[in-house]
Amino acid sequence: MGTLLLLKIRDNYPDRITATFSVYPSPKVSDVVVEPYNATLSIHQLLENSDETFVIDNEALFSISHNVLKQKEP
């Protein structure tokens, strides 16, 4: 759904710069089995249809939330 929306935005507004921010799964934080598979399938579309793609590690975000911001649950 997200990559289809990105493709439609790219078709309707070809002169605009698009940026995507993706949080990639980590086995320590999430226990959903299909998350790495879905992330792998969607990365190709993100790279093809956006000008800028930022990938953020979910485990790093969890570590920042827990250690730096001192939150008990993110």
C-alpha atoms as a PDB file:
ATOM      1  CA  MET A   1       0.000   0.000   0.000  1.00  0.00           C
ATOM      2  CA  GLY A   2       2.769   2.456   0.887  1.00  0.00           C
ATOM      3  CA  THR A   3       4.755   1.816  -2.280  1.00  0.00           C
ATOM      4  CA  LEU A   4       1.607   2.172  -4.399  1.00  0.00           C
ATOM      5  CA  LEU A   5       0.900   5.517  -2.762  1.00  0.00           C
ATOM      6  CA  LEU A   6       4.478   6.599  -3.402  1.00  0.00           C
ATOM      7  CA  LEU A   7       4.158   5.601  -7.060  1.00  0.00           C
ATOM      8  CA  LYS A   8       0.926   7.620  -7.430  1.00  0.00           C
ATOM      9  CA  ILE A   9       2.543  10.673  -5.832  1.00  0.00           C
ATOM     10  CA  ARG A  10       5.521  10.313  -8.174  1.00  0.00           C
ATOM     11  CA  ASP A  11       3.202  10.089 -11.214  1.00  0.00           C
ATOM     12  CA  ASN A  12       1.048  13.067 -10.198  1.00  0.00           C
ATOM     13  CA  TYR A  13       3.892  15.323  -9.016  1.00  0.00           C
ATOM     14  CA  PRO A  14       7.013  14.435 -11.039  1.00  0.00           C
ATOM     15  CA  ASP A  15       8.675  17.790 -10.343  1.00  0.00           C
ATOM     16  CA  ARG A  16       8.613  17.352  -6.538  1.00  0.00           C
ATOM     17  CA  ILE A  17      11.372  15.779  -4.484  1.00  0.00           C
ATOM     18  CA  THR A  18      10.105  12.844  -2.441  1.00  0.00           C
ATOM     19  CA  ALA A  19      11.759  11.509   0.678  1.00  0.00           C
ATOM     20  CA  THR A  20      10.914   8.295   2.503  1.00  0.00           C
ATOM     21  CA  PHE A  21      11.745   7.303   6.061  1.00  0.00           C
ATOM     22  CA  SER A  22      11.687   3.589   6.777  1.00  0.00           C
ATOM     23  CA  VAL A  23      12.117   1.843  10.107  1.00  0.00           C
ATOM     24  CA  TYR A  24      13.670  -1.554   9.462  1.00  0.00           C
ATOM     25  CA  PRO A  25      12.926  -4.493  11.743  1.00  0.00           C
ATOM     26  CA  SER A  26      15.185  -6.022  14.328  1.00  0.00           C
ATOM     27  CA  PRO A  27      14.767  -9.493  15.840  1.00  0.00           C
ATOM     28  CA  LYS A  28      15.500  -8.159  19.342  1.00  0.00           C
ATOM     29  CA  VAL A  29      12.634  -5.668  19.275  1.00  0.00           C
ATOM     30  CA  SER A  30       9.957  -7.401  17.216  1.00  0.00           C
ATOM     31  CA  ASP A  31       8.810 -10.996  17.106  1.00  0.00           C
ATOM     32  CA  VAL A  32       6.793 -10.824  13.870  1.00  0.00           C
ATOM     33  CA  VAL A  33       8.217 -13.377  11.450  1.00  0.00           C
ATOM     34  CA  VAL A  34       7.326 -11.641   8.170  1.00  0.00           C
ATOM     35  CA  GLU A  35       8.771  -8.192   8.987  1.00  0.00           C
ATOM     36  CA  PRO A  36      12.208  -8.788   7.382  1.00  0.00           C
ATOM     37  CA  TYR A  37      10.552 -10.337   4.335  1.00  0.00           C
ATOM     38  CA  ASN A  38       8.204  -7.346   3.865  1.00  0.00           C
ATOM     39  CA  ALA A  39      11.068  -4.894   4.338  1.00  0.00           C
ATOM     40  CA  THR A  40      13.158  -6.680   1.724  1.00  0.00           C
ATOM     41  CA  LEU A  41      10.329  -6.631  -0.799  1.00  0.00           C
ATOM     42  CA  SER A  42       9.525  -2.967  -0.296  1.00  0.00           C
ATOM     43  CA  ILE A  43      13.079  -1.560  -0.443  1.00  0.00           C
ATOM     44  CA  HIS A  44      13.270  -1.932  -4.229  1.00  0.00           C
ATOM     45  CA  GLN A  45      10.136   0.155  -4.751  1.00  0.00           C
ATOM     46  CA  LEU A  46      11.340   2.794  -2.289  1.00  0.00           C
ATOM     47  CA  LEU A  47      14.644   3.168  -4.094  1.00  0.00           C
ATOM     48  CA  GLU A  48      12.995   3.291  -7.519  1.00  0.00           C
ATOM     49  CA  ASN A  49      10.215   5.765  -6.733  1.00  0.00           C
ATOM     50  CA  SER A  50      11.739   8.232  -4.283  1.00  0.00           C
ATOM     51  CA  ASP A  51      14.562  10.720  -4.489  1.00  0.00           C
ATOM     52  CA  GLU A  52      15.744  10.234  -0.921  1.00  0.00           C
ATOM     53  CA  THR A  53      15.395   7.113   1.201  1.00  0.00           C
ATOM     54  CA  PHE A  54      16.357   7.125   4.871  1.00  0.00           C
ATOM     55  CA  VAL A  55      16.602   3.779   6.624  1.00  0.00           C
ATOM     56  CA  ILE A  56      16.489   3.725  10.422  1.00  0.00           C
ATOM     57  CA  ASP A  57      17.266   0.649  12.495  1.00  0.00           C
ATOM     58  CA  ASN A  58      14.443  -0.298  14.874  1.00  0.00           C
ATOM     59  CA  GLU A  59      16.869  -1.652  17.466  1.00  0.00           C
ATOM     60  CA  ALA A  60      18.812   1.629  17.462  1.00  0.00           C
ATOM     61  CA  LEU A  61      15.588   3.596  17.963  1.00  0.00           C
ATOM     62  CA  PHE A  62      14.647   1.319  20.838  1.00  0.00           C
ATOM     63  CA  SER A  63      18.092   1.786  22.393  1.00  0.00           C
ATOM     64  CA  ILE A  64      17.851   5.585  22.119  1.00  0.00           C
ATOM     65  CA  SER A  65      14.380   5.533  23.624  1.00  0.00           C
ATOM     66  CA  HIS A  66      15.408   3.293  26.499  1.00  0.00           C
ATOM     67  CA  ASN A  67      18.950   4.494  27.282  1.00  0.00           C
ATOM     68  CA  VAL A  68      19.042   8.143  26.267  1.00  0.00           C
ATOM     69  CA  LEU A  69      15.449   9.274  26.807  1.00  0.00           C
ATOM     70  CA  LYS A  70      14.986   6.950  29.825  1.00  0.00           C
ATOM     71  CA  GLN A  71      11.546   5.759  28.738  1.00  0.00           C
ATOM     72  CA  LYS A  72      10.353   2.504  30.239  1.00  0.00           C
ATOM     73  CA  GLU A  73       8.346   1.612  27.129  1.00  0.00           C
ATOM     74  CA  PRO A  74       8.723   3.273  23.729  1.00  0.00           C
END
